[in-house]
Amino acid sequence: MNPDLQAFVQTLVQGLLTGGIYALVGIGLSLIFGVMRVINFAHGDFLALGMFLTLFLFKTVHLDPYVSLLIALPLGFALGYFIQRFVLARLGDRLSESSMLATLGLGLIVSNMLLLGFGAQPQTINVPYANNTFTLFGIQVSIALLVAGLGTLVAIVGLNLLLYRTELGRAIRATAQNPLGAELQGVNTRTIQATVFGLGVAFAAIAGVLLLPLLYAYHTVGETFTLKAFVVTVLGGLGNLPGAIVGGLFLGGIESLGSFYISNNYRDAYGLVAFLLVLLLRPEGLFGKTVKRV
C-alpha cells in the first residue's frame, strides 16, 4: 500500500474508533432530549463517574476495567433513574426552564465529590493491553481502542433492540412522540422518563469505563465530554439517535485527520469548527431534528 494512503487509512481508522465512543456519549444525551426535552449538562460528569468507579475497583480489588462494565452499567442506570424520579421530576411544569440549572448543579456536585474523593491529580490504570497494538492489512490498531469500539457497537445494537423489539421500547417511542397520547394508552410516562434518564446515564458510564485504559481520569474530565456530546448531537440533530452515531464518527474522523495533517495542538478545535459551521449553515443538524425516530 502506498505510504501516504496507508497513513491516511490508519489515521481514519483510529478516528472512527474514537468517534464510536463519542457516539456512545452523544446517544445518551440525544436519547434524554428526544424523550424528555431536557438538555443534560451533567452528562460528561456521569462519564467521569464511570471512569473513577473503574479506577477505584481496579486499585482496590484489581478488577479488570472491562469487567467493571458489569457494575458500572446497573449503577449508572440506578443513579439516573433516582435523579430523574426524585430531583428532576419534582420540577414539574418548570422542567424545561429549570433543567439547565438543575443539571449544571448536579454536574458541579459530581465533579467536586470526585475532587474530594480522588484529588486533583490525573490518574490512570496500568493494564498490559493499554498500549498494545496489532496489525491488520498493514494498519496498526490499538487493542484498547478496538475493544472500546466493539463495546460501543454492542451497546448501540442493544439499545436498538430495546427500542424496536420490546414493549418498553414501544412505550419509550410513544412517550417521545406524544406524551399525552401515551398516557391515554396506559403508559406511565413518569416511569418511562426515569428509565430513559437512567439509560442515558448508563451509556455515559459505559463510555467512561471504555475510555479509562486510553485516557487519564481527573475530576473535571466530564466538562470536555459534555462539550463533545453537544457537538455530536448538534451534528446529528437533537433527538436523532442514528444522527448521533454518524455525528460521533464524523467528529472522531475530523479530530484524527486534523491532528495528523495540521497539528495535534488544536485537536479539540477541529470539532468546534465543524460544530459552528453546522449551526450556521444547517441549525437542525446534518440529518435534521427527528425526535420521532427515537
C-alpha atoms as a PDB file:
ATOM      1  CA  MET A   1       0.000   0.000   0.000  1.00  0.00           C
ATOM      2  CA  ASN A   2       1.188   3.498  -0.788  1.00  0.00           C
ATOM      3  CA  PRO A   3       2.717   5.009   2.407  1.00  0.00           C
ATOM      4  CA  ASP A   4       0.613   8.163   2.170  1.00  0.00           C
ATOM      5  CA  LEU A   5      -2.565   6.157   1.659  1.00  0.00           C
ATOM      6  CA  GLN A   6      -1.614   3.811   4.499  1.00  0.00           C
ATOM      7  CA  ALA A   7      -1.080   6.763   6.850  1.00  0.00           C
ATOM      8  CA  PHE A   8      -4.447   8.223   5.828  1.00  0.00           C
ATOM      9  CA  VAL A   9      -6.297   4.927   6.359  1.00  0.00           C
ATOM     10  CA  GLN A  10      -4.644   4.302   9.722  1.00  0.00           C
ATOM     11  CA  THR A  11      -5.445   7.823  10.932  1.00  0.00           C
ATOM     12  CA  LEU A  12      -9.030   7.488   9.723  1.00  0.00           C
ATOM     13  CA  VAL A  13      -9.494   4.092  11.402  1.00  0.00           C
ATOM     14  CA  GLN A  14      -8.246   5.448  14.721  1.00  0.00           C
ATOM     15  CA  GLY A  15     -10.531   8.441  14.347  1.00  0.00           C
ATOM     16  CA  LEU A  16     -13.585   6.298  13.605  1.00  0.00           C
ATOM     17  CA  LEU A  17     -12.912   4.041  16.598  1.00  0.00           C
ATOM     18  CA  THR A  18     -12.608   7.107  18.817  1.00  0.00           C
ATOM     19  CA  GLY A  19     -15.712   8.527  17.159  1.00  0.00           C
ATOM     20  CA  GLY A  20     -17.596   5.408  18.154  1.00  0.00           C
ATOM     21  CA  ILE A  21     -17.046   6.313  21.808  1.00  0.00           C
ATOM     22  CA  TYR A  22     -18.153   9.874  21.081  1.00  0.00           C
ATOM     23  CA  ALA A  23     -21.285   8.404  19.516  1.00  0.00           C
ATOM     24  CA  LEU A  24     -21.946   6.385  22.671  1.00  0.00           C
ATOM     25  CA  VAL A  25     -21.753   9.567  24.760  1.00  0.00           C
ATOM     26  CA  GLY A  26     -23.877  11.518  22.298  1.00  0.00           C
ATOM     27  CA  ILE A  27     -26.571   8.836  22.099  1.00  0.00           C
ATOM     28  CA  GLY A  28     -27.209   9.081  25.838  1.00  0.00           C
ATOM     29  CA  LEU A  29     -27.636  12.853  25.626  1.00  0.00           C
ATOM     30  CA  SER A  30     -29.777  12.630  22.481  1.00  0.00           C
ATOM     31  CA  LEU A  31     -31.999   9.915  23.962  1.00  0.00           C
ATOM     32  CA  ILE A  32     -32.736  12.020  27.038  1.00  0.00           C
ATOM     33  CA  PHE A  33     -33.553  15.063  24.942  1.00  0.00           C
ATOM     34  CA  GLY A  34     -35.645  13.081  22.469  1.00  0.00           C
ATOM     35  CA  VAL A  35     -37.960  11.738  25.169  1.00  0.00           C
ATOM     36  CA  MET A  36     -37.868  14.393  27.902  1.00  0.00           C
ATOM     37  CA  ARG A  37     -36.825  17.568  26.023  1.00  0.00           C
ATOM     38  CA  VAL A  38     -34.173  18.014  28.725  1.00  0.00           C
ATOM     39  CA  ILE A  39     -30.600  19.027  27.964  1.00  0.00           C
ATOM     40  CA  ASN A  40     -28.401  17.251  30.492  1.00  0.00           C
ATOM     41  CA  PHE A  41     -25.431  19.500  31.271  1.00  0.00           C
ATOM     42  CA  ALA A  42     -24.096  16.924  33.748  1.00  0.00           C
ATOM     43  CA  HIS A  43     -23.760  14.232  31.083  1.00  0.00           C
ATOM     44  CA  GLY A  44     -19.970  14.344  30.946  1.00  0.00           C
ATOM     45  CA  ASP A  45     -19.734  14.253  34.738  1.00  0.00           C
ATOM     46  CA  PHE A  46     -21.594  10.950  34.740  1.00  0.00           C
ATOM     47  CA  LEU A  47     -18.967   9.713  32.282  1.00  0.00           C
ATOM     48  CA  ALA A  48     -16.326  10.826  34.789  1.00  0.00           C
ATOM     49  CA  LEU A  49     -18.124   8.796  37.466  1.00  0.00           C
ATOM     50  CA  GLY A  50     -17.764   5.721  35.276  1.00  0.00           C
ATOM     51  CA  MET A  51     -14.049   6.393  34.876  1.00  0.00           C
ATOM     52  CA  PHE A  52     -13.435   6.851  38.595  1.00  0.00           C
ATOM     53  CA  LEU A  53     -15.581   3.851  39.548  1.00  0.00           C
ATOM     54  CA  THR A  54     -13.406   1.735  37.261  1.00  0.00           C
ATOM     55  CA  LEU A  55     -10.266   3.303  38.719  1.00  0.00           C
ATOM     56  CA  PHE A  56     -11.453   2.578  42.268  1.00  0.00           C
ATOM     57  CA  LEU A  57     -12.329  -1.054  41.511  1.00  0.00           C
ATOM     58  CA  PHE A  58      -9.006  -1.600  39.747  1.00  0.00           C
ATOM     59  CA  LYS A  59      -6.938  -0.188  42.620  1.00  0.00           C
ATOM     60  CA  THR A  60      -8.873  -1.817  45.453  1.00  0.00           C
ATOM     61  CA  VAL A  61      -9.815  -5.278  44.150  1.00  0.00           C
ATOM     62  CA  HIS A  62      -7.721  -5.361  40.932  1.00  0.00           C
ATOM     63  CA  LEU A  63     -10.832  -5.748  38.804  1.00  0.00           C
ATOM     64  CA  ASP A  64     -10.196  -5.542  35.060  1.00  0.00           C
ATOM     65  CA  PRO A  65     -11.734  -2.336  33.668  1.00  0.00           C
ATOM     66  CA  TYR A  66     -13.873  -4.184  31.148  1.00  0.00           C
ATOM     67  CA  VAL A  67     -15.284  -6.440  33.870  1.00  0.00           C
ATOM     68  CA  SER A  68     -16.214  -3.210  35.662  1.00  0.00           C
ATOM     69  CA  LEU A  69     -18.859  -2.717  32.973  1.00  0.00           C
ATOM     70  CA  LEU A  70     -20.986  -5.285  34.811  1.00  0.00           C
ATOM     71  CA  ILE A  71     -21.031  -2.931  37.808  1.00  0.00           C
ATOM     72  CA  ALA A  72     -20.976   0.469  36.098  1.00  0.00           C
ATOM     73  CA  LEU A  73     -23.974  -0.291  33.862  1.00  0.00           C
ATOM     74  CA  PRO A  74     -26.554  -1.077  36.593  1.00  0.00           C
ATOM     75  CA  LEU A  75     -25.168   1.573  38.963  1.00  0.00           C
ATOM     76  CA  GLY A  76     -25.290   4.220  36.232  1.00  0.00           C
ATOM     77  CA  PHE A  77     -28.861   3.269  35.387  1.00  0.00           C
ATOM     78  CA  ALA A  78     -29.915   3.314  39.044  1.00  0.00           C
ATOM     79  CA  LEU A  79     -28.303   6.725  39.590  1.00  0.00           C
ATOM     80  CA  GLY A  80     -30.003   8.219  36.535  1.00  0.00           C
ATOM     81  CA  TYR A  81     -33.367   6.716  37.495  1.00  0.00           C
ATOM     82  CA  PHE A  82     -33.062   8.138  41.011  1.00  0.00           C
ATOM     83  CA  ILE A  83     -32.067  11.611  39.792  1.00  0.00           C
ATOM     84  CA  GLN A  84     -34.991  11.834  37.394  1.00  0.00           C
ATOM     85  CA  ARG A  85     -37.555  10.405  39.804  1.00  0.00           C
ATOM     86  CA  PHE A  86     -36.568  12.366  42.897  1.00  0.00           C
ATOM     87  CA  VAL A  87     -34.882  15.517  41.556  1.00  0.00           C
ATOM     88  CA  LEU A  88     -35.903  16.475  38.013  1.00  0.00           C
ATOM     89  CA  ALA A  89     -39.468  15.160  38.262  1.00  0.00           C
ATOM     90  CA  ARG A  90     -40.092  17.481  41.202  1.00  0.00           C
ATOM     91  CA  LEU A  91     -39.596  20.469  38.918  1.00  0.00           C
ATOM     92  CA  GLY A  92     -42.995  19.678  37.403  1.00  0.00           C
ATOM     93  CA  ASP A  93     -44.113  22.091  34.712  1.00  0.00           C
ATOM     94  CA  ARG A  94     -40.907  24.086  35.161  1.00  0.00           C
ATOM     95  CA  LEU A  95     -38.771  21.199  33.929  1.00  0.00           C
ATOM     96  CA  SER A  96     -37.804  22.689  30.573  1.00  0.00           C
ATOM     97  CA  GLU A  97     -36.851  26.036  32.115  1.00  0.00           C
ATOM     98  CA  SER A  98     -35.136  24.691  35.234  1.00  0.00           C
ATOM     99  CA  SER A  99     -33.439  21.552  33.926  1.00  0.00           C
ATOM    100  CA  MET A 100     -30.411  23.507  32.748  1.00  0.00           C
ATOM    101  CA  LEU A 101     -29.717  24.887  36.226  1.00  0.00           C
ATOM    102  CA  ALA A 102     -30.571  21.575  37.886  1.00  0.00           C
ATOM    103  CA  THR A 103     -28.228  19.518  35.707  1.00  0.00           C
ATOM    104  CA  LEU A 104     -25.498  22.158  35.947  1.00  0.00           C
ATOM    105  CA  GLY A 105     -25.783  21.899  39.720  1.00  0.00           C
ATOM    106  CA  LEU A 106     -25.645  18.114  39.567  1.00  0.00           C
ATOM    107  CA  GLY A 107     -22.510  18.323  37.451  1.00  0.00           C
ATOM    108  CA  LEU A 108     -20.835  20.619  39.983  1.00  0.00           C
ATOM    109  CA  ILE A 109     -21.766  18.264  42.814  1.00  0.00           C
ATOM    110  CA  VAL A 110     -20.340  15.242  40.979  1.00  0.00           C
ATOM    111  CA  SER A 111     -17.072  16.949  39.973  1.00  0.00           C
ATOM    112  CA  ASN A 112     -16.477  18.292  43.479  1.00  0.00           C
ATOM    113  CA  MET A 113     -17.222  14.902  45.036  1.00  0.00           C
ATOM    114  CA  LEU A 114     -14.626  13.378  42.726  1.00  0.00           C
ATOM    115  CA  LEU A 115     -12.174  16.109  43.710  1.00  0.00           C
ATOM    116  CA  LEU A 116     -12.711  15.386  47.404  1.00  0.00           C
ATOM    117  CA  GLY A 117     -12.547  11.636  46.948  1.00  0.00           C
ATOM    118  CA  PHE A 118      -9.671  11.264  44.480  1.00  0.00           C
ATOM    119  CA  GLY A 119      -7.821  14.584  44.472  1.00  0.00           C
ATOM    120  CA  ALA A 120      -6.920  16.847  41.586  1.00  0.00           C
ATOM    121  CA  GLN A 121      -4.017  14.771  40.236  1.00  0.00           C
ATOM    122  CA  PRO A 122      -4.780  12.995  36.919  1.00  0.00           C
ATOM    123  CA  GLN A 123      -4.796   9.213  37.356  1.00  0.00           C
ATOM    124  CA  THR A 124      -4.937   6.196  35.099  1.00  0.00           C
ATOM    125  CA  ILE A 125      -4.563   2.423  35.252  1.00  0.00           C
ATOM    126  CA  ASN A 126      -1.761   0.203  34.039  1.00  0.00           C
ATOM    127  CA  VAL A 127      -3.076  -2.794  32.150  1.00  0.00           C
ATOM    128  CA  PRO A 128      -0.960  -4.890  29.753  1.00  0.00           C
ATOM    129  CA  TYR A 129      -3.142  -4.241  26.716  1.00  0.00           C
ATOM    130  CA  ALA A 130      -3.434  -0.447  27.157  1.00  0.00           C
ATOM    131  CA  ASN A 131      -0.547   0.302  24.788  1.00  0.00           C
ATOM    132  CA  ASN A 132      -0.584  -2.900  22.719  1.00  0.00           C
ATOM    133  CA  THR A 133      -1.421  -2.884  19.026  1.00  0.00           C
ATOM    134  CA  PHE A 134      -1.892  -5.453  16.290  1.00  0.00           C
ATOM    135  CA  THR A 135      -1.532  -5.193  12.530  1.00  0.00           C
ATOM    136  CA  LEU A 136      -4.437  -5.787  10.173  1.00  0.00           C
ATOM    137  CA  PHE A 137      -3.890  -5.349   6.426  1.00  0.00           C
ATOM    138  CA  GLY A 138      -0.854  -3.213   7.199  1.00  0.00           C
ATOM    139  CA  ILE A 139      -2.810  -0.959   9.598  1.00  0.00           C
ATOM    140  CA  GLN A 140      -1.792  -0.798  13.259  1.00  0.00           C
ATOM    141  CA  VAL A 141      -4.807  -0.809  15.573  1.00  0.00           C
ATOM    142  CA  SER A 142      -4.801  -0.178  19.325  1.00  0.00           C
ATOM    143  CA  ILE A 143      -6.291  -3.149  21.183  1.00  0.00           C
ATOM    144  CA  ALA A 144      -7.856  -0.912  23.855  1.00  0.00           C
ATOM    145  CA  LEU A 145      -9.339   1.368  21.196  1.00  0.00           C
ATOM    146  CA  LEU A 146     -10.692  -1.607  19.229  1.00  0.00           C
ATOM    147  CA  VAL A 147     -12.304  -3.087  22.348  1.00  0.00           C
ATOM    148  CA  ALA A 148     -13.845   0.306  23.092  1.00  0.00           C
ATOM    149  CA  GLY A 149     -15.210   0.454  19.548  1.00  0.00           C
ATOM    150  CA  LEU A 150     -16.650  -3.055  19.792  1.00  0.00           C
ATOM    151  CA  GLY A 151     -18.154  -2.227  23.180  1.00  0.00           C
ATOM    152  CA  THR A 152     -19.808   0.810  21.643  1.00  0.00           C
ATOM    153  CA  LEU A 153     -21.213  -1.331  18.827  1.00  0.00           C
ATOM    154  CA  VAL A 154     -22.680  -3.829  21.297  1.00  0.00           C
ATOM    155  CA  ALA A 155     -24.255  -1.028  23.344  1.00  0.00           C
ATOM    156  CA  ILE A 156     -25.804   0.595  20.253  1.00  0.00           C
ATOM    157  CA  VAL A 157     -27.186  -2.716  18.975  1.00  0.00           C
ATOM    158  CA  GLY A 158     -28.576  -3.452  22.440  1.00  0.00           C
ATOM    159  CA  LEU A 159     -30.313  -0.070  22.587  1.00  0.00           C
ATOM    160  CA  ASN A 160     -31.764  -0.572  19.113  1.00  0.00           C
ATOM    161  CA  LEU A 161     -33.170  -3.977  20.105  1.00  0.00           C
ATOM    162  CA  LEU A 162     -34.626  -2.456  23.268  1.00  0.00           C
ATOM    163  CA  LEU A 163     -36.320   0.395  21.382  1.00  0.00           C
ATOM    164  CA  TYR A 164     -37.706  -1.626  18.486  1.00  0.00           C
ATOM    165  CA  ARG A 165     -38.167  -5.163  19.801  1.00  0.00           C
ATOM    166  CA  THR A 166     -39.668  -4.737  23.288  1.00  0.00           C
ATOM    167  CA  GLU A 167     -42.811  -3.327  24.883  1.00  0.00           C
ATOM    168  CA  LEU A 168     -40.648  -0.968  26.912  1.00  0.00           C
ATOM    169  CA  GLY A 169     -39.129   0.344  23.693  1.00  0.00           C
ATOM    170  CA  ARG A 170     -42.585   0.965  22.230  1.00  0.00           C
ATOM    171  CA  ALA A 171     -43.540   2.870  25.380  1.00  0.00           C
ATOM    172  CA  ILE A 172     -40.364   4.968  25.117  1.00  0.00           C
ATOM    173  CA  ARG A 173     -41.036   5.835  21.482  1.00  0.00           C
ATOM    174  CA  ALA A 174     -44.675   6.626  22.240  1.00  0.00           C
ATOM    175  CA  THR A 175     -43.655   8.940  25.074  1.00  0.00           C
ATOM    176  CA  ALA A 176     -41.177  10.686  22.796  1.00  0.00           C
ATOM    177  CA  GLN A 177     -43.772  11.235  20.068  1.00  0.00           C
ATOM    178  CA  ASN A 178     -46.820  12.159  22.137  1.00  0.00           C
ATOM    179  CA  PRO A 179     -46.647  12.006  25.960  1.00  0.00           C
ATOM    180  CA  LEU A 180     -50.368  12.727  26.424  1.00  0.00           C
ATOM    181  CA  GLY A 181     -51.369  10.132  23.847  1.00  0.00           C
ATOM    182  CA  ALA A 182     -49.072   7.599  25.524  1.00  0.00           C
ATOM    183  CA  GLU A 183     -50.690   8.268  28.899  1.00  0.00           C
ATOM    184  CA  LEU A 184     -54.154   7.770  27.390  1.00  0.00           C
ATOM    185  CA  GLN A 185     -52.950   4.352  26.216  1.00  0.00           C
ATOM    186  CA  GLY A 186     -51.918   3.415  29.749  1.00  0.00           C
ATOM    187  CA  VAL A 187     -48.199   4.252  29.587  1.00  0.00           C
ATOM    188  CA  ASN A 188     -46.744   5.550  32.849  1.00  0.00           C
ATOM    189  CA  THR A 189     -44.727   8.383  31.338  1.00  0.00           C
ATOM    190  CA  ARG A 190     -43.084   9.300  34.659  1.00  0.00           C
ATOM    191  CA  THR A 191     -41.590   5.817  34.896  1.00  0.00           C
ATOM    192  CA  ILE A 192     -40.592   5.918  31.227  1.00  0.00           C
ATOM    193  CA  GLN A 193     -38.837   9.271  31.673  1.00  0.00           C
ATOM    194  CA  ALA A 194     -36.940   7.972  34.697  1.00  0.00           C
ATOM    195  CA  THR A 195     -35.989   4.848  32.738  1.00  0.00           C
ATOM    196  CA  VAL A 196     -34.749   6.928  29.810  1.00  0.00           C
ATOM    197  CA  PHE A 197     -32.678   9.185  32.048  1.00  0.00           C
ATOM    198  CA  GLY A 198     -31.234   6.063  33.652  1.00  0.00           C
ATOM    199  CA  LEU A 199     -30.325   4.681  30.229  1.00  0.00           C
ATOM    200  CA  GLY A 200     -28.659   7.978  29.279  1.00  0.00           C
ATOM    201  CA  VAL A 201     -26.535   7.990  32.434  1.00  0.00           C
ATOM    202  CA  ALA A 202     -25.718   4.292  31.966  1.00  0.00           C
ATOM    203  CA  PHE A 203     -24.448   4.989  28.439  1.00  0.00           C
ATOM    204  CA  ALA A 204     -22.258   7.792  29.771  1.00  0.00           C
ATOM    205  CA  ALA A 205     -20.885   5.485  32.487  1.00  0.00           C
ATOM    206  CA  ILE A 206     -20.138   2.771  29.909  1.00  0.00           C
ATOM    207  CA  ALA A 207     -18.225   5.296  27.823  1.00  0.00           C
ATOM    208  CA  GLY A 208     -16.214   6.280  30.906  1.00  0.00           C
ATOM    209  CA  VAL A 209     -15.251   2.658  31.568  1.00  0.00           C
ATOM    210  CA  LEU A 210     -14.189   2.129  27.951  1.00  0.00           C
ATOM    211  CA  LEU A 211     -12.136   5.336  27.943  1.00  0.00           C
ATOM    212  CA  LEU A 212     -10.146   4.797  31.146  1.00  0.00           C
ATOM    213  CA  PRO A 213      -7.484   2.475  29.644  1.00  0.00           C
ATOM    214  CA  LEU A 214      -6.912   5.156  26.996  1.00  0.00           C
ATOM    215  CA  LEU A 215      -7.044   8.403  28.985  1.00  0.00           C
ATOM    216  CA  TYR A 216      -6.250   9.966  32.346  1.00  0.00           C
ATOM    217  CA  ALA A 217      -9.092  10.479  34.790  1.00  0.00           C
ATOM    218  CA  TYR A 218      -9.382  13.812  36.617  1.00  0.00           C
ATOM    219  CA  HIS A 219     -12.300  15.455  38.335  1.00  0.00           C
ATOM    220  CA  THR A 220     -13.132  17.907  35.525  1.00  0.00           C
ATOM    221  CA  VAL A 221     -12.741  15.457  32.628  1.00  0.00           C
ATOM    222  CA  GLY A 222     -16.506  15.470  32.282  1.00  0.00           C
ATOM    223  CA  GLU A 223     -16.530  19.052  31.008  1.00  0.00           C
ATOM    224  CA  THR A 224     -14.630  18.017  27.892  1.00  0.00           C
ATOM    225  CA  PHE A 225     -17.009  15.176  27.118  1.00  0.00           C
ATOM    226  CA  THR A 226     -20.130  17.212  27.828  1.00  0.00           C
ATOM    227  CA  LEU A 227     -18.926  19.561  25.108  1.00  0.00           C
ATOM    228  CA  LYS A 228     -18.187  16.661  22.746  1.00  0.00           C
ATOM    229  CA  ALA A 229     -21.632  15.196  23.419  1.00  0.00           C
ATOM    230  CA  PHE A 230     -23.237  18.502  22.444  1.00  0.00           C
ATOM    231  CA  VAL A 231     -21.151  18.671  19.276  1.00  0.00           C
ATOM    232  CA  VAL A 232     -22.192  15.116  18.363  1.00  0.00           C
ATOM    233  CA  THR A 233     -25.890  15.751  18.989  1.00  0.00           C
ATOM    234  CA  VAL A 234     -25.869  19.029  17.059  1.00  0.00           C
ATOM    235  CA  LEU A 235     -24.071  17.412  14.128  1.00  0.00           C
ATOM    236  CA  GLY A 236     -26.639  14.622  14.003  1.00  0.00           C
ATOM    237  CA  GLY A 237     -29.701  16.630  15.064  1.00  0.00           C
ATOM    238  CA  LEU A 238     -31.061  16.808  18.612  1.00  0.00           C
ATOM    239  CA  GLY A 239     -33.118  13.726  19.384  1.00  0.00           C
ATOM    240  CA  ASN A 240     -31.895  11.838  16.310  1.00  0.00           C
ATOM    241  CA  LEU A 241     -30.205   8.634  17.526  1.00  0.00           C
ATOM    242  CA  PRO A 242     -28.904   7.447  14.124  1.00  0.00           C
ATOM    243  CA  GLY A 243     -27.683  11.009  13.562  1.00  0.00           C
ATOM    244  CA  ALA A 244     -25.804  10.911  16.881  1.00  0.00           C
ATOM    245  CA  ILE A 245     -23.958   7.786  15.734  1.00  0.00           C
ATOM    246  CA  VAL A 246     -22.922   9.378  12.453  1.00  0.00           C
ATOM    247  CA  GLY A 247     -22.117  12.637  14.252  1.00  0.00           C
ATOM    248  CA  GLY A 248     -19.790  10.816  16.646  1.00  0.00           C
ATOM    249  CA  LEU A 249     -17.960   9.050  13.831  1.00  0.00           C
ATOM    250  CA  PHE A 250     -17.743  12.322  11.911  1.00  0.00           C
ATOM    251  CA  LEU A 251     -16.288  14.149  14.927  1.00  0.00           C
ATOM    252  CA  GLY A 252     -13.746  11.406  15.608  1.00  0.00           C
ATOM    253  CA  GLY A 253     -12.653  11.382  11.970  1.00  0.00           C
ATOM    254  CA  ILE A 254     -12.295  15.174  11.824  1.00  0.00           C
ATOM    255  CA  GLU A 255     -10.248  15.307  15.023  1.00  0.00           C
ATOM    256  CA  SER A 256      -7.958  12.480  13.974  1.00  0.00           C
ATOM    257  CA  LEU A 257      -7.321  13.728  10.432  1.00  0.00           C
ATOM    258  CA  GLY A 258      -6.910  17.330  11.582  1.00  0.00           C
ATOM    259  CA  SER A 259      -4.408  16.286  14.249  1.00  0.00           C
ATOM    260  CA  PHE A 260      -2.379  14.276  11.732  1.00  0.00           C
ATOM    261  CA  TYR A 261      -2.370  16.685   8.806  1.00  0.00           C
ATOM    262  CA  ILE A 262      -2.466  20.051  10.605  1.00  0.00           C
ATOM    263  CA  SER A 263      -1.494  19.999  14.273  1.00  0.00           C
ATOM    264  CA  ASN A 264      -2.327  17.879  17.305  1.00  0.00           C
ATOM    265  CA  ASN A 265      -2.288  21.027  19.463  1.00  0.00           C
ATOM    266  CA  TYR A 266      -5.680  22.042  18.081  1.00  0.00           C
ATOM    267  CA  ARG A 267      -7.372  18.627  18.189  1.00  0.00           C
ATOM    268  CA  ASP A 268     -10.467  19.809  20.063  1.00  0.00           C
ATOM    269  CA  ALA A 269     -10.765  22.913  17.891  1.00  0.00           C
ATOM    270  CA  TYR A 270     -11.486  20.962  14.701  1.00  0.00           C
ATOM    271  CA  GLY A 271     -14.714  19.578  16.104  1.00  0.00           C
ATOM    272  CA  LEU A 272     -15.746  23.007  17.365  1.00  0.00           C
ATOM    273  CA  VAL A 273     -15.224  24.490  13.907  1.00  0.00           C
ATOM    274  CA  ALA A 274     -17.476  21.788  12.430  1.00  0.00           C
ATOM    275  CA  PHE A 275     -19.978  22.473  15.210  1.00  0.00           C
ATOM    276  CA  LEU A 276     -20.103  26.194  14.404  1.00  0.00           C
ATOM    277  CA  LEU A 277     -20.392  25.591  10.666  1.00  0.00           C
ATOM    278  CA  VAL A 278     -23.345  23.254  11.171  1.00  0.00           C
ATOM    279  CA  LEU A 279     -25.027  25.784  13.472  1.00  0.00           C
ATOM    280  CA  LEU A 280     -24.602  28.489  10.850  1.00  0.00           C
ATOM    281  CA  LEU A 281     -25.481  26.508   7.725  1.00  0.00           C
ATOM    282  CA  ARG A 282     -27.847  23.809   8.987  1.00  0.00           C
ATOM    283  CA  PRO A 283     -29.082  24.532  12.550  1.00  0.00           C
ATOM    284  CA  GLU A 284     -31.325  21.456  12.563  1.00  0.00           C
ATOM    285  CA  GLY A 285     -28.250  19.220  12.185  1.00  0.00           C
ATOM    286  CA  LEU A 286     -26.835  17.260   9.286  1.00  0.00           C
ATOM    287  CA  PHE A 287     -29.771  14.852   9.399  1.00  0.00           C
ATOM    288  CA  GLY A 288     -32.434  17.156  10.813  1.00  0.00           C
ATOM    289  CA  LYS A 289     -34.244  17.136  14.119  1.00  0.00           C
ATOM    290  CA  THR A 290     -36.181  13.884  14.039  1.00  0.00           C
ATOM    291  CA  VAL A 291     -37.225  13.247  17.613  1.00  0.00           C
ATOM    292  CA  LYS A 292     -39.936  10.928  16.360  1.00  0.00           C
ATOM    293  CA  ARG A 293     -37.254   8.410  15.365  1.00  0.00           C
ATOM    294  CA  VAL A 294     -36.244   7.732  18.984  1.00  0.00           C
END
